[in-house]
Protein backbone atom coordinates (compact mmCIF):
# COMPACT_ATOMS: atom_id res chain seq x y z
CA MET A 1 174.34 141.30 207.83
CA ALA A 2 175.18 139.53 204.60
CA THR A 3 172.28 137.64 203.11
CA ARG A 4 172.59 133.99 202.30
CA GLN A 5 172.00 134.77 198.64
CA SER A 6 174.77 137.38 198.53
CA VAL A 7 177.23 134.97 200.15
CA ASP A 8 176.21 132.15 197.79
CA GLU A 9 176.63 134.43 194.77
CA TYR A 10 180.01 135.59 195.96
CA MET A 11 181.17 132.03 196.61
CA GLN A 12 180.18 131.18 193.05
CA ARG A 13 182.25 134.10 191.72
CA CYS A 14 185.20 132.98 193.87
CA ASN A 15 184.93 129.48 192.44
CA GLN A 16 185.09 130.96 188.94
CA VAL A 17 188.21 132.94 189.89
CA LEU A 18 189.76 129.79 191.35
CA GLU A 19 188.97 127.77 188.22
CA TYR A 20 190.54 130.39 185.94
CA ALA A 21 193.63 130.61 188.15
CA ARG A 22 194.00 126.82 188.24
CA GLU A 23 193.67 126.72 184.46
CA GLN A 24 196.42 129.31 184.04
CA GLN A 25 198.60 127.53 186.58
CA LYS A 26 198.12 124.20 184.76
CA LEU A 27 198.86 125.72 181.35
CA GLY A 28 202.04 127.29 182.70
CA ALA A 29 203.19 123.99 184.19
CA GLU A 30 202.46 122.05 181.00
CA GLN A 31 204.17 124.54 178.70
CA GLY A 32 207.10 125.31 180.97
CA HIS A 33 206.13 128.98 180.86
CA HIS A 34 202.95 130.99 181.19
CA ASN A 35 201.19 133.56 179.11
CA GLU A 36 202.04 136.71 181.04
CA VAL A 37 198.77 138.55 180.37
CA GLU A 38 196.42 135.73 181.39
CA TYR A 39 198.62 134.72 184.32
CA THR A 40 198.67 138.30 185.59
CA GLU A 41 194.89 138.57 185.12
CA ALA A 42 194.42 135.40 187.16
CA LEU A 43 196.64 136.74 189.95
CA GLN A 44 194.78 140.06 189.93
CA GLY A 45 191.46 138.23 190.05
CA LEU A 46 192.66 136.28 193.08
CA GLU A 47 193.83 139.45 194.81
CA ASN A 48 190.51 141.17 194.13
CA ALA A 49 188.58 138.14 195.38
CA VAL A 50 190.61 138.03 198.62
CA ASN A 51 190.03 141.75 199.21
CA GLU A 52 186.31 141.47 198.52
CA ILE A 53 185.89 138.36 200.65
CA ASN A 54 187.62 140.15 203.53
CA HIS A 55 185.07 142.94 203.18
CA LEU A 56 182.18 140.47 202.98
CA SER A 57 183.33 138.76 206.16
CA LEU A 58 182.70 141.96 208.13
CA SER A 59 178.94 141.55 207.75
CA ALA A 60 178.72 137.75 207.88
CA ASN A 61 177.24 135.59 210.61
CA ASP A 62 179.18 132.71 212.23
CA GLU A 63 178.15 130.09 209.67
CA GLN A 64 178.99 132.41 206.79
CA GLN A 65 182.30 133.30 208.44
CA ASP A 66 183.30 129.64 208.29
CA ARG A 67 182.49 129.36 204.57
CA ILE A 68 184.26 132.63 203.87
CA TYR A 69 187.33 131.57 205.83
CA ARG A 70 187.62 128.28 203.91
CA MET A 71 187.23 130.10 200.59
CA ARG A 72 189.85 132.68 201.59
CA LEU A 73 192.30 129.86 202.34
CA GLN A 74 191.73 128.34 198.89
CA LEU A 75 192.18 131.69 197.17
CA GLN A 76 195.34 132.51 199.07
CA GLN A 77 196.83 129.04 198.58
CA ILE A 78 196.62 129.14 194.80
CA GLN A 79 197.68 132.78 194.81
CA ASN A 80 200.83 131.87 196.75
CA GLU A 81 201.55 128.90 194.50
CA MET A 82 201.23 131.05 191.40
CA ILE A 83 203.49 133.76 192.80
CA LEU A 84 206.16 131.22 193.74
CA ARG A 85 205.97 129.49 190.34
CA ARG A 86 206.33 132.83 188.59
CA HIS A 87 209.77 133.51 190.08
């Protein structure tokens, strides 16, 4: 079972990934283009976070599952937006 501390720490890391991705998305929108390296890093960070959160969910209790599910939705939403904006 995932400990509360491990879930809290992971949620904090996910929030950092989300903040970086939002920053890159905002910069790209403001400038009309995006810095390819940072944008790609943000997308890779989101992908890694989604994969790790899926793994974490396997050992989570019901309350943790709910938090994890909501975080996964946030990660995937910005990931999808960034992919669509890129093309």
